Structure formats: structure tokens, C-alpha cells
């Protein structure tokens, strides 16, 4: 495989810029989201001044759920959960609390519910009514089961909650669903990250590879991940591993499984799996996430 890197010009046609959210006039540093549309090769900023963190797509591909650093206390910032419309820049504050720290949201597969962390406890909210139900468990990094029946999360190991009952599964962190009964989890072995699959029915873990920060293909057939500063792909059937991209991090596969997004030296790139020697430089930022409609969001730190 060729290692020639074709550095295309950074695609910074910025369009559709909207206003700001959170009025702290004394600050000039902002964390915003940028949206790259491969069809038009344009990058847009739904809001130009905001403090947006942990952005994730809603299933529709037209909205982003995120948390925003809001009220500052002597000890910490208290965040709210917000819903951002990428076309209009309109932001709905879903939680709007002044005494709780809410973060790490993810919208359910049917688009009706968001799970998030509130003061180290898991909660779910019905978006249409903003009715909140506490799951009464401590946890982090919640991820919806593909069928929407429950969430996996970190909580002294990997746990599962069917929205009624909590079940302890196995050791590890950063759970991701491969399918409705199988999780991808990460563990630490010495100074090395390791990746396992976990069968929730058979209650057994199987070693996949060394690595970290894995992303699962939409059909569950392979993963992409970081190892020793490079990005690899491992096909889960047969555990066939291929080096994809050197000197890169934060890999994310598109929903159609044709394109990988990644970060190198603070720049977000995309590359087709069929021609990895050609990479498009999208713009400064990190934490890329593909939508169901083929658009790519990423976080960017800006000074304005």
C-alpha cells in the first residue's frame, strides 16, 4: 500500500455562520462545532461563539446533541444539555439547570430520548416533553443499544441498564455496540491499550487486538483504532489486521463504510478506504463524527 500523502488544500469555505450562545463577553476562547459536507466540500459553523463539548449526532443527521459549559462556580463549570439545529443554528436548552452538571449526551436510535450524565448519575430525558427519569446508578460514557432497549456504560467496569434494571457485565471502559448483543470494550494491559469483544448473552470476553479509541463499522464487520501512533483496521471475522494510516489518531468510519476520518497534527482529514494515499484536509479541530446523512462534525477551539 502506498504511503504517499496527497495534502489537498484545507477546505475552509465557511458558510451559514450563525450567532452565539452563552453570553460571557469576557471570554474570547470558544469550543465550537464545524460541519463538513462532502457533497459541496464546504465547512459550516452553526454557531460562531459557543462552549460546546461532547457533540454527537441525532439519528436524523440534522441535529446535534451537546453539552455546554455554562454557570461557573468556585469549584467547577456546570454544563447543560442542548440540542443544536445545524441548518438554523437554533439551540434548545434541554436541561436548563443552575445547580447540576450535565454532560456526555447521546440520542436514542429512534430520536425520541437522550441519555446523559448528571452529577455522575445516569438520566434519560424524553426530548418532546423534557421529562427526566433518573436511572439511579452512577455511570459515565453511556451508549444506546442499537435497538434502543437500553444503554451500556462505564461504572466500576462495564454495565448495562435496560431502563429498569442494572446489570454488571465485565471489566473495561469505553463500551461501543457491535450489534444488539455484542459490545466492543477497551482495557489496559501494562502501558498498552487492548480491545475485546464481549458477548452479553454468553457473558464472555474475547481478545481482538492491541489498541485504543476504536470505532465500529456500521454493519459491525470491522473496527478502526489507534495503535502506536498509527491507525489500523481489524476485520472481526478472522481478526485480519491492516495498517491504514501512519501518524494519525481519532479514526471514525462513515456510515456507508467507504471513508475514514482522522486527525493528524490538529487537522481533521478524510480518506477513501479504496485510495488511502489521497487525503482531504478538512480543517483544524478534532473528535470527528459522521452523521447518517454523510456529513462530518468536528470540534474546534477558536479565539474571537
Protein backbone atom coordinates (compact mmCIF):
# COMPACT_ATOMS: atom_id res chain seq x y z
CA UNK A 1 0.00 0.00 0.00
CA UNK A 2 1.34 3.40 -0.98
CA UNK A 3 2.46 5.75 1.79
CA UNK A 4 2.35 8.85 -0.44
CA UNK A 5 0.35 11.57 1.28
CA UNK A 6 -1.56 13.88 -1.03
CA UNK A 7 -2.20 17.01 1.06
CA UNK A 8 -5.08 18.79 -0.56
CA UNK A 9 -5.79 22.41 0.42
CA UNK A 10 -7.68 22.85 3.67
CA UNK A 11 -11.32 23.15 2.73
CA UNK A 12 -12.25 26.30 4.56
CA UNK A 13 -15.19 27.67 2.65
CA UNK A 14 -17.11 28.77 5.75
CA UNK A 15 -20.78 29.33 5.14
CA UNK A 16 -24.02 29.72 7.05
CA UNK A 17 -22.46 31.19 10.19
CA UNK A 18 -24.99 31.92 12.89
CA UNK A 19 -24.77 33.78 16.17
CA UNK A 20 -23.51 32.94 19.61
CA UNK A 21 -24.78 31.04 22.62
CA UNK A 22 -23.93 31.66 26.28
CA UNK A 23 -23.21 35.30 26.99
CA UNK A 24 -19.79 35.60 28.58
CA UNK A 25 -18.37 38.70 26.95
CA UNK A 26 -15.14 38.46 28.90
CA UNK A 27 -14.12 35.24 27.14
CA UNK A 28 -12.50 35.11 23.71
CA UNK A 29 -11.83 31.36 23.60
CA UNK A 30 -14.67 29.17 22.32
CA UNK A 31 -15.25 25.49 21.61
CA UNK A 32 -17.50 25.21 18.57
CA UNK A 33 -18.60 22.53 16.12
CA UNK A 34 -17.92 22.59 12.41
CA UNK A 35 -19.86 20.60 9.81
CA UNK A 36 -18.20 19.32 6.64
CA UNK A 37 -20.45 18.39 3.70
CA UNK A 38 -18.58 16.18 1.18
CA UNK A 39 -21.21 16.92 -1.49
CA UNK A 40 -20.35 20.63 -1.56
CA UNK A 41 -16.87 20.38 0.00
CA UNK A 42 -17.87 23.17 2.38
CA UNK A 43 -17.40 23.65 6.11
CA UNK A 44 -20.10 25.48 8.07
CA UNK A 45 -20.31 26.73 11.65
CA UNK A 46 -23.87 26.53 13.04
CA UNK A 47 -22.82 28.90 15.85
CA UNK A 48 -19.73 31.08 15.87
CA UNK A 49 -19.30 31.68 19.62
CA UNK A 50 -20.20 28.84 21.97
CA UNK A 51 -18.83 26.40 24.51
CA UNK A 52 -19.88 23.06 23.01
CA UNK A 53 -18.45 19.77 24.23
CA UNK A 54 -19.02 16.04 23.54
CA UNK A 55 -21.12 16.75 20.41
CA UNK A 56 -22.93 13.74 18.96
CA UNK A 57 -25.32 13.44 16.03
CA UNK A 58 -29.01 12.78 16.48
CA UNK A 59 -30.15 9.92 14.19
CA UNK A 60 -31.83 12.36 11.78
CA UNK A 61 -28.49 13.90 10.82
CA UNK A 62 -30.00 17.38 11.12
CA UNK A 63 -29.39 17.95 14.84
CA UNK A 64 -26.52 17.62 17.28
CA UNK A 65 -26.82 16.96 21.00
CA UNK A 66 -24.07 18.50 23.08
CA UNK A 67 -23.23 19.84 26.50
CA UNK A 68 -22.27 23.45 27.06
CA UNK A 69 -20.14 24.98 29.78
CA UNK A 70 -22.44 27.45 31.44
CA UNK A 71 -22.55 28.73 35.01
CA UNK A 72 -19.19 28.87 36.77
CA UNK A 73 -18.91 28.14 40.48
CA UNK A 74 -15.83 28.38 42.65
CA UNK A 75 -15.20 24.66 42.10
CA UNK A 76 -16.35 23.85 38.57
CA UNK A 77 -18.33 24.75 35.49
CA UNK A 78 -21.89 23.44 35.42
CA UNK A 79 -23.00 22.25 31.98
CA UNK A 80 -26.43 21.90 30.41
CA UNK A 81 -27.56 19.51 27.67
CA UNK A 82 -28.55 21.29 24.46
CA UNK A 83 -29.93 20.37 21.05
CA UNK A 84 -28.40 22.20 18.08
CA UNK A 85 -30.06 22.53 14.66
CA UNK A 86 -27.21 22.51 12.14
CA UNK A 87 -29.15 24.41 9.45
CA UNK A 88 -30.51 27.30 11.53
CA UNK A 89 -28.06 27.37 14.43
CA UNK A 90 -31.02 27.30 16.84
CA UNK A 91 -30.15 25.81 20.21
CA UNK A 92 -32.66 24.34 22.66
CA UNK A 93 -31.54 24.04 26.27
CA UNK A 94 -33.00 20.69 27.29
CA UNK A 95 -31.98 20.67 30.95
CA UNK A 96 -31.57 24.34 31.88
CA UNK A 97 -30.45 23.73 35.46
CA UNK A 98 -28.36 26.07 37.59
CA UNK A 99 -27.14 23.60 40.22
CA UNK A 100 -26.28 20.40 38.30
CA UNK A 101 -23.52 19.35 35.93
CA UNK A 102 -24.93 17.53 32.90
CA UNK A 103 -22.78 16.14 30.10
CA UNK A 104 -21.98 13.27 27.67
CA UNK A 105 -25.39 13.11 25.93
CA UNK A 106 -26.44 10.59 23.29
CA UNK A 107 -29.77 10.46 21.45
CA UNK A 108 -31.60 7.13 21.23
CA UNK A 109 -31.83 5.33 17.85
CA UNK A 110 -35.46 6.40 17.40
CA UNK A 111 -34.58 10.04 18.09
CA UNK A 112 -37.02 10.47 20.98
CA UNK A 113 -34.84 10.18 24.07
CA UNK A 114 -31.44 11.37 25.26
CA UNK A 115 -29.28 9.65 27.86
CA UNK A 116 -26.69 11.72 29.71
CA UNK A 117 -24.69 12.06 32.92
CA UNK A 118 -25.94 14.38 35.65
CA UNK A 119 -23.64 14.79 38.66
CA UNK A 120 -22.16 11.32 37.98
CA UNK A 121 -25.61 9.71 37.75
CA UNK A 122 -27.28 8.47 34.55
CA UNK A 123 -30.55 10.04 33.45
CA UNK A 124 -32.80 9.81 30.40
CA UNK A 125 -35.00 12.56 29.01
CA UNK A 126 -37.93 12.39 26.60
CA UNK A 127 -37.00 15.20 24.20
CA UNK A 128 -40.54 16.25 23.25
CA UNK A 129 -41.67 16.77 26.85
CA UNK A 130 -38.26 17.26 28.55
CA UNK A 131 -39.44 14.76 31.17
CA UNK A 132 -36.39 13.40 33.03
CA UNK A 133 -36.07 9.99 34.65
CA UNK A 134 -33.06 9.13 36.79
CA UNK A 135 -31.71 5.61 36.32
CA UNK A 136 -30.41 5.78 39.91
CA UNK A 137 -26.97 4.45 39.02
CA UNK A 138 -23.54 6.04 38.84
CA UNK A 139 -22.00 5.92 35.39
CA UNK A 140 -20.14 7.53 32.51
CA UNK A 141 -19.85 7.22 28.72
CA UNK A 142 -23.40 5.89 28.11
CA UNK A 143 -24.15 4.42 24.66
CA UNK A 144 -27.52 3.26 23.36
CA UNK A 145 -28.09 -0.32 22.32
CA UNK A 146 -28.86 -0.33 18.55
CA UNK A 147 -32.46 -1.45 19.21
CA UNK A 148 -32.88 1.29 21.83
CA UNK A 149 -33.76 -1.16 24.61
CA UNK A 150 -31.07 0.05 26.99
CA UNK A 151 -27.63 1.59 27.46
CA UNK A 152 -24.14 0.28 28.16
CA UNK A 153 -21.86 2.48 30.24
CA UNK A 154 -18.83 2.69 32.49
CA UNK A 155 -19.46 2.23 36.20
CA UNK A 156 -16.80 0.28 38.07
CA UNK A 157 -16.41 -1.77 34.91
CA UNK A 158 -18.87 -2.14 32.04
CA UNK A 159 -22.54 -2.26 32.96
CA UNK A 160 -25.87 -2.43 31.16
CA UNK A 161 -29.19 -0.81 32.07
CA UNK A 162 -32.45 -1.76 30.34
CA UNK A 163 -34.03 1.45 31.75
CA UNK A 164 -35.42 -0.60 34.63
CA UNK A 165 -32.61 -2.78 35.98
CA UNK A 166 -28.82 -2.52 36.10
CA UNK A 167 -26.58 -5.49 35.23
CA UNK A 168 -22.81 -5.70 35.81
CA UNK A 169 -21.09 -7.14 32.73
CA UNK A 170 -17.28 -7.14 32.76
CA UNK A 171 -14.14 -5.09 33.37
CA UNK A 172 -13.23 -2.34 30.94
CA UNK A 173 -14.19 1.08 29.71
CA UNK A 174 -15.47 2.98 26.62
CA UNK A 175 -18.17 0.49 25.56
CA UNK A 176 -19.42 0.53 21.95
CA UNK A 177 -22.09 -1.74 20.48
CA UNK A 178 -21.15 -4.09 17.64
CA UNK A 179 -24.72 -5.38 17.48
CA UNK A 180 -27.60 -5.77 19.93
CA UNK A 181 -25.87 -8.49 21.96
CA UNK A 182 -22.14 -7.76 21.49
CA UNK A 183 -20.05 -4.93 22.87
CA UNK A 184 -16.61 -3.65 21.96
CA UNK A 185 -14.72 -2.68 25.11
CA UNK A 186 -11.25 -1.43 25.95
CA UNK A 187 -8.92 -2.45 28.74
CA UNK A 188 -5.43 -1.54 29.91
CA UNK A 189 -2.65 -4.12 29.90
CA UNK A 190 0.51 -2.54 31.34
CA UNK A 191 1.04 0.61 29.28
CA UNK A 192 -0.82 -0.82 26.29
CA UNK A 193 -4.49 -0.50 25.41
CA UNK A 194 -6.30 -3.70 24.49
CA UNK A 195 -9.60 -4.20 22.68
CA UNK A 196 -12.07 -7.02 23.38
CA UNK A 197 -15.48 -8.06 22.17
CA UNK A 198 -17.96 -9.03 24.87
CA UNK A 199 -20.92 -11.36 24.29
CA UNK A 200 -23.67 -10.17 26.63
CA UNK A 201 -25.64 -13.41 26.16
CA UNK A 202 -22.77 -15.83 26.66
CA UNK A 203 -21.17 -13.47 29.20
CA UNK A 204 -17.71 -13.95 27.72
CA UNK A 205 -14.96 -11.61 26.51
CA UNK A 206 -12.70 -12.35 23.53
CA UNK A 207 -9.42 -10.59 22.80
CA UNK A 208 -9.46 -8.71 19.48
CA UNK A 209 -6.23 -6.71 19.29
CA UNK A 210 -3.98 -4.23 21.00
CA UNK A 211 -5.10 -0.63 20.54
CA UNK A 212 -7.38 2.12 21.80
CA UNK A 213 -10.03 4.64 20.69
CA UNK A 214 -11.81 2.14 18.47
CA UNK A 215 -14.74 2.87 16.18
CA UNK A 216 -17.08 0.15 14.91
CA UNK A 217 -18.22 -0.07 11.28
CA UNK A 218 -21.97 0.41 10.89
CA UNK A 219 -22.51 -3.25 9.97
CA UNK A 220 -20.28 -4.47 12.81
CA UNK A 221 -17.89 -6.26 10.48
CA UNK A 222 -14.69 -4.40 11.34
CA UNK A 223 -13.17 -1.77 13.61
CA UNK A 224 -10.68 1.06 13.14
CA UNK A 225 -8.47 2.13 16.03
CA UNK A 226 -5.19 3.69 17.19
CA UNK A 227 -2.05 1.71 17.94
CA UNK A 228 1.47 3.09 18.47
CA UNK A 229 0.50 6.41 16.87
CA UNK A 230 -0.97 4.85 13.71
CA UNK A 231 -4.48 3.82 12.59
CA UNK A 232 -5.32 0.19 11.91
CA UNK A 233 -8.31 -1.79 10.71
CA UNK A 234 -9.23 -5.23 12.05
CA UNK A 235 -11.91 -7.40 10.43
CA UNK A 236 -13.67 -9.12 13.33
CA UNK A 237 -14.29 -12.33 11.42
CA UNK A 238 -10.85 -13.92 11.34
CA UNK A 239 -9.20 -10.92 13.06
CA UNK A 240 -7.41 -9.78 9.89
CA UNK A 241 -5.48 -6.57 10.63
CA UNK A 242 -4.28 -3.89 8.17
CA UNK A 243 -2.27 -0.73 8.77
CA UNK A 244 -4.32 2.11 7.27
CA UNK A 245 -2.72 5.47 8.11
CA UNK A 246 0.55 6.34 9.80
CA UNK A 247 0.96 9.14 12.36
CA UNK A 248 -2.76 9.69 12.93
CA UNK A 249 -5.41 9.39 15.64
CA UNK A 250 -9.17 9.50 16.36
CA UNK A 251 -10.39 7.32 13.45
CA UNK A 252 -14.10 7.38 12.55
CA UNK A 253 -15.79 5.38 9.79
CA UNK A 254 -18.56 6.87 7.67
CA UNK A 255 -21.97 5.20 7.84
CA UNK A 256 -21.55 3.75 4.34
CA UNK A 257 -18.14 2.37 5.41
CA UNK A 258 -16.31 3.92 2.45
CA UNK A 259 -14.49 6.82 4.13
CA UNK A 260 -12.41 7.19 7.27
CA UNK A 261 -12.00 10.50 9.11
CA UNK A 262 -8.98 11.02 11.33
CA UNK A 263 -6.82 13.67 12.99
CA UNK A 264 -3.17 14.45 12.30
CA UNK A 265 -1.32 17.35 13.95
CA UNK A 266 -4.57 19.05 14.92
CA UNK A 267 -6.08 18.86 11.41
CA UNK A 268 -9.12 16.72 10.53
CA UNK A 269 -8.73 14.67 7.34
CA UNK A 270 -10.86 12.24 5.35
CA UNK A 271 -9.71 9.47 3.07
CA UNK A 272 -11.44 6.82 1.00
CA UNK A 273 -10.69 3.26 2.07
CA UNK A 274 -10.26 2.42 -1.61
CA UNK A 275 -7.47 5.02 -2.05
CA UNK A 276 -5.79 5.79 1.25
CA UNK A 277 -2.89 7.63 -0.42
CA UNK A 278 -5.22 10.58 -1.12
CA UNK A 279 -6.38 12.55 1.92
CA UNK A 280 -8.51 15.68 2.11
CA UNK A 281 -7.59 18.19 4.80
CA UNK A 282 -10.90 19.48 6.17
CA UNK A 283 -9.81 21.96 8.83
CA UNK A 284 -8.36 22.48 12.30
CA UNK A 285 -10.09 20.55 15.03
CA UNK A 286 -10.64 17.10 16.48
CA UNK A 287 -13.16 14.46 17.59
CA UNK A 288 -14.71 13.77 14.15
CA UNK A 289 -18.17 12.17 13.98
CA UNK A 290 -20.07 11.06 10.84
CA UNK A 291 -23.83 11.55 10.50
CA UNK A 292 -26.33 9.14 8.96
CA UNK A 293 -26.55 11.56 6.02
CA UNK A 294 -22.82 11.54 5.26
CA UNK A 295 -21.82 14.83 6.89
CA UNK A 296 -18.93 15.13 9.32
CA UNK A 297 -18.89 17.16 12.51
CA UNK A 298 -15.76 18.03 14.43
CA UNK A 299 -14.87 20.17 17.41
CA UNK A 300 -12.68 23.25 17.06
CA UNK A 301 -11.10 25.64 19.53
CA UNK A 302 -11.31 29.22 18.23
CA UNK A 303 -10.39 32.68 19.51
CA UNK A 304 -12.79 35.50 18.66
